[in-house]
């Protein structure tokens, strides 16, 4: 990415998150926490792919549908906050990378717990005394 696309991505990221948090009243989005995790603008500045995470996961499909339907409104409201002649078209996608990252972290945490359990000293005491076999 060029410096210009990086700048546009960063400014769009903040503006889109603000619009989603404060300006949308679509009932499909209610009851879901929507976080913009990234914005990637194409080199020609015509399209911006906006990745989002949705909590709870079961609402991802309906939220993406709602965001896609509201993309023109989001674009217009974000344009009011940004000094650009023409804003890129917005394409919304679920951030699958964050899901994979969370799953990997969960598995690593489980493995660490298993290793701690195996490395713990045994709490059992020997039943017979150990004899000293050294000669004096």
C-alpha atoms as a PDB file:
ATOM      1  CA  UNK A   1       0.000   0.000   0.000  1.00  0.00           C
ATOM      2  CA  UNK A   2       1.110   3.510  -0.708  1.00  0.00           C
ATOM      3  CA  UNK A   3       1.260   6.299   1.788  1.00  0.00           C
ATOM      4  CA  UNK A   4      -1.917   7.821   0.332  1.00  0.00           C
ATOM      5  CA  UNK A   5      -3.928   4.586   0.556  1.00  0.00           C
ATOM      6  CA  UNK A   6      -2.662   4.064   4.110  1.00  0.00           C
ATOM      7  CA  UNK A   7      -3.815   7.562   5.076  1.00  0.00           C
ATOM      8  CA  UNK A   8      -7.219   7.121   3.452  1.00  0.00           C
ATOM      9  CA  UNK A   9      -7.635   3.708   5.120  1.00  0.00           C
ATOM     10  CA  UNK A  10      -6.822   5.129   8.542  1.00  0.00           C
ATOM     11  CA  UNK A  11      -9.170   8.102   8.247  1.00  0.00           C
ATOM     12  CA  UNK A  12     -11.965   5.940   6.819  1.00  0.00           C
ATOM     13  CA  UNK A  13     -11.528   3.412   9.619  1.00  0.00           C
ATOM     14  CA  UNK A  14     -12.201   6.002  12.311  1.00  0.00           C
ATOM     15  CA  UNK A  15     -15.067   7.652  10.417  1.00  0.00           C
ATOM     16  CA  UNK A  16     -16.846   4.374   9.600  1.00  0.00           C
ATOM     17  CA  UNK A  17     -16.556   3.152  13.196  1.00  0.00           C
ATOM     18  CA  UNK A  18     -18.048   6.451  14.409  1.00  0.00           C
ATOM     19  CA  UNK A  19     -20.946   6.249  11.948  1.00  0.00           C
ATOM     20  CA  UNK A  20     -21.685   2.626  12.894  1.00  0.00           C
ATOM     21  CA  UNK A  21     -21.623   3.454  16.611  1.00  0.00           C
ATOM     22  CA  UNK A  22     -23.704   6.633  16.508  1.00  0.00           C
ATOM     23  CA  UNK A  23     -25.707   7.060  13.305  1.00  0.00           C
ATOM     24  CA  UNK A  24     -27.241   3.716  12.366  1.00  0.00           C
ATOM     25  CA  UNK A  25     -30.705   2.734  13.535  1.00  0.00           C
ATOM     26  CA  UNK A  26     -31.201  -0.358  11.375  1.00  0.00           C
ATOM     27  CA  UNK A  27     -32.965  -3.011  13.502  1.00  0.00           C
ATOM     28  CA  UNK A  28     -30.759  -5.698  11.945  1.00  0.00           C
ATOM     29  CA  UNK A  29     -27.807  -4.151  13.761  1.00  0.00           C
ATOM     30  CA  UNK A  30     -29.417  -3.901  17.180  1.00  0.00           C
ATOM     31  CA  UNK A  31     -28.173  -6.259  19.858  1.00  0.00           C
ATOM     32  CA  UNK A  32     -24.805  -6.724  18.177  1.00  0.00           C
ATOM     33  CA  UNK A  33     -21.407  -5.278  18.973  1.00  0.00           C
ATOM     34  CA  UNK A  34     -19.794  -4.260  15.678  1.00  0.00           C
ATOM     35  CA  UNK A  35     -16.112  -3.403  15.585  1.00  0.00           C
ATOM     36  CA  UNK A  36     -14.284  -2.224  12.476  1.00  0.00           C
ATOM     37  CA  UNK A  37     -11.015  -4.171  12.511  1.00  0.00           C
ATOM     38  CA  UNK A  38      -9.572  -2.905   9.262  1.00  0.00           C
ATOM     39  CA  UNK A  39     -10.081  -0.913   6.103  1.00  0.00           C
ATOM     40  CA  UNK A  40      -8.130  -1.700   2.928  1.00  0.00           C
ATOM     41  CA  UNK A  41      -8.434   0.784   0.103  1.00  0.00           C
ATOM     42  CA  UNK A  42      -7.580  -0.241  -3.453  1.00  0.00           C
ATOM     43  CA  UNK A  43      -4.738   1.601  -5.196  1.00  0.00           C
ATOM     44  CA  UNK A  44      -7.213   3.508  -7.394  1.00  0.00           C
ATOM     45  CA  UNK A  45      -9.129   4.643  -4.263  1.00  0.00           C
ATOM     46  CA  UNK A  46     -12.423   3.430  -5.741  1.00  0.00           C
ATOM     47  CA  UNK A  47     -13.178   0.609  -3.295  1.00  0.00           C
ATOM     48  CA  UNK A  48     -12.600   0.088   0.413  1.00  0.00           C
ATOM     49  CA  UNK A  49     -12.974  -3.361   1.955  1.00  0.00           C
ATOM     50  CA  UNK A  50     -14.113  -2.891   5.546  1.00  0.00           C
ATOM     51  CA  UNK A  51     -13.536  -5.879   7.832  1.00  0.00           C
ATOM     52  CA  UNK A  52     -15.654  -6.111  10.963  1.00  0.00           C
ATOM     53  CA  UNK A  53     -16.094  -8.418  13.907  1.00  0.00           C
ATOM     54  CA  UNK A  54     -19.591  -9.064  15.185  1.00  0.00           C
ATOM     55  CA  UNK A  55     -20.525 -10.227  18.662  1.00  0.00           C
ATOM     56  CA  UNK A  56     -22.453 -12.493  19.063  1.00  0.00           C
ATOM     57  CA  UNK A  57     -21.246 -14.562  16.116  1.00  0.00           C
ATOM     58  CA  UNK A  58     -24.727 -15.855  15.303  1.00  0.00           C
ATOM     59  CA  UNK A  59     -25.675 -12.333  14.133  1.00  0.00           C
ATOM     60  CA  UNK A  60     -22.829 -12.006  11.595  1.00  0.00           C
ATOM     61  CA  UNK A  61     -24.934 -12.744   8.521  1.00  0.00           C
ATOM     62  CA  UNK A  62     -27.740 -10.346   9.349  1.00  0.00           C
ATOM     63  CA  UNK A  63     -25.315  -7.605  10.442  1.00  0.00           C
ATOM     64  CA  UNK A  64     -23.291  -7.842   7.215  1.00  0.00           C
ATOM     65  CA  UNK A  65     -26.566  -7.681   5.288  1.00  0.00           C
ATOM     66  CA  UNK A  66     -27.584  -4.582   7.270  1.00  0.00           C
ATOM     67  CA  UNK A  67     -24.204  -2.896   6.806  1.00  0.00           C
ATOM     68  CA  UNK A  68     -24.232  -3.640   3.083  1.00  0.00           C
ATOM     69  CA  UNK A  69     -27.710  -2.151   2.800  1.00  0.00           C
ATOM     70  CA  UNK A  70     -26.590   0.930   4.721  1.00  0.00           C
ATOM     71  CA  UNK A  71     -23.245   1.299   2.915  1.00  0.00           C
ATOM     72  CA  UNK A  72     -24.344   4.359   0.922  1.00  0.00           C
ATOM     73  CA  UNK A  73     -25.600   6.057   4.082  1.00  0.00           C
ATOM     74  CA  UNK A  74     -22.381   5.134   5.948  1.00  0.00           C
ATOM     75  CA  UNK A  75     -20.326   6.441   3.040  1.00  0.00           C
ATOM     76  CA  UNK A  76     -22.251   9.732   2.936  1.00  0.00           C
ATOM     77  CA  UNK A  77     -22.008  10.279   6.726  1.00  0.00           C
ATOM     78  CA  UNK A  78     -18.295   9.362   6.720  1.00  0.00           C
ATOM     79  CA  UNK A  79     -17.825  11.797   3.829  1.00  0.00           C
ATOM     80  CA  UNK A  80     -19.212  14.563   6.038  1.00  0.00           C
ATOM     81  CA  UNK A  81     -16.342  13.857   8.464  1.00  0.00           C
ATOM     82  CA  UNK A  82     -13.573  13.494   5.883  1.00  0.00           C
ATOM     83  CA  UNK A  83     -12.219  16.116   3.516  1.00  0.00           C
ATOM     84  CA  UNK A  84     -12.102  14.094   0.282  1.00  0.00           C
ATOM     85  CA  UNK A  85     -13.697  14.801  -3.062  1.00  0.00           C
ATOM     86  CA  UNK A  86     -14.934  11.249  -3.596  1.00  0.00           C
ATOM     87  CA  UNK A  87     -15.026   8.483  -1.029  1.00  0.00           C
ATOM     88  CA  UNK A  88     -14.485   4.877  -2.100  1.00  0.00           C
ATOM     89  CA  UNK A  89     -17.390   2.451  -2.322  1.00  0.00           C
ATOM     90  CA  UNK A  90     -17.620   0.373   0.840  1.00  0.00           C
ATOM     91  CA  UNK A  91     -17.639  -3.422   0.870  1.00  0.00           C
ATOM     92  CA  UNK A  92     -18.238  -5.068   4.255  1.00  0.00           C
ATOM     93  CA  UNK A  93     -16.776  -8.454   5.224  1.00  0.00           C
ATOM     94  CA  UNK A  94     -16.494 -10.445   8.440  1.00  0.00           C
ATOM     95  CA  UNK A  95     -12.949 -10.550   9.785  1.00  0.00           C
ATOM     96  CA  UNK A  96     -12.180 -14.277   9.758  1.00  0.00           C
ATOM     97  CA  UNK A  97      -8.584 -13.676  10.842  1.00  0.00           C
ATOM     98  CA  UNK A  98      -9.667 -12.546  14.295  1.00  0.00           C
ATOM     99  CA  UNK A  99     -11.752 -15.691  14.700  1.00  0.00           C
ATOM    100  CA  UNK A 100      -8.779 -17.872  13.790  1.00  0.00           C
ATOM    101  CA  UNK A 101      -6.562 -15.868  16.122  1.00  0.00           C
ATOM    102  CA  UNK A 102      -8.996 -16.335  19.011  1.00  0.00           C
ATOM    103  CA  UNK A 103      -9.236 -20.083  18.305  1.00  0.00           C
ATOM    104  CA  UNK A 104      -5.433 -20.447  18.220  1.00  0.00           C
ATOM    105  CA  UNK A 105      -5.141 -18.542  21.505  1.00  0.00           C
ATOM    106  CA  UNK A 106      -7.787 -20.794  23.081  1.00  0.00           C
ATOM    107  CA  UNK A 107      -5.955 -23.947  21.967  1.00  0.00           C
ATOM    108  CA  UNK A 108      -2.600 -22.606  23.189  1.00  0.00           C
ATOM    109  CA  UNK A 109      -4.159 -21.762  26.543  1.00  0.00           C
ATOM    110  CA  UNK A 110      -5.535 -25.297  26.859  1.00  0.00           C
ATOM    111  CA  UNK A 111      -2.129 -26.777  25.993  1.00  0.00           C
ATOM    112  CA  UNK A 112      -0.419 -24.579  28.586  1.00  0.00           C
ATOM    113  CA  UNK A 113      -2.885 -25.736  31.241  1.00  0.00           C
ATOM    114  CA  UNK A 114      -2.270 -29.388  30.325  1.00  0.00           C
ATOM    115  CA  UNK A 115       1.500 -28.899  30.587  1.00  0.00           C
ATOM    116  CA  UNK A 116       1.142 -27.235  33.978  1.00  0.00           C
ATOM    117  CA  UNK A 117      -0.980 -30.149  35.191  1.00  0.00           C
ATOM    118  CA  UNK A 118       1.640 -32.659  33.977  1.00  0.00           C
ATOM    119  CA  UNK A 119       4.547 -30.689  35.436  1.00  0.00           C
ATOM    120  CA  UNK A 120       2.955 -30.341  38.879  1.00  0.00           C
ATOM    121  CA  UNK A 121       4.759 -32.398  41.533  1.00  0.00           C
ATOM    122  CA  UNK A 122       2.879 -35.435  42.683  1.00  0.00           C
ATOM    123  CA  UNK A 123       1.056 -35.018  45.977  1.00  0.00           C
ATOM    124  CA  UNK A 124       1.331 -38.712  46.804  1.00  0.00           C
ATOM    125  CA  UNK A 125       3.706 -39.765  49.608  1.00  0.00           C
ATOM    126  CA  UNK A 126       5.696 -42.983  49.439  1.00  0.00           C
ATOM    127  CA  UNK A 127       4.109 -45.803  51.425  1.00  0.00           C
ATOM    128  CA  UNK A 128       7.376 -47.491  52.473  1.00  0.00           C
ATOM    129  CA  UNK A 129      10.386 -45.754  53.981  1.00  0.00           C
ATOM    130  CA  UNK A 130      13.471 -45.584  51.808  1.00  0.00           C
ATOM    131  CA  UNK A 131      16.433 -47.487  53.248  1.00  0.00           C
ATOM    132  CA  UNK A 132      19.937 -46.129  53.259  1.00  0.00           C
ATOM    133  CA  UNK A 133      22.110 -48.724  51.483  1.00  0.00           C
ATOM    134  CA  UNK A 134      25.430 -46.914  51.859  1.00  0.00           C
ATOM    135  CA  UNK A 135      28.124 -48.611  53.911  1.00  0.00           C
ATOM    136  CA  UNK A 136      29.533 -46.728  56.887  1.00  0.00           C
END
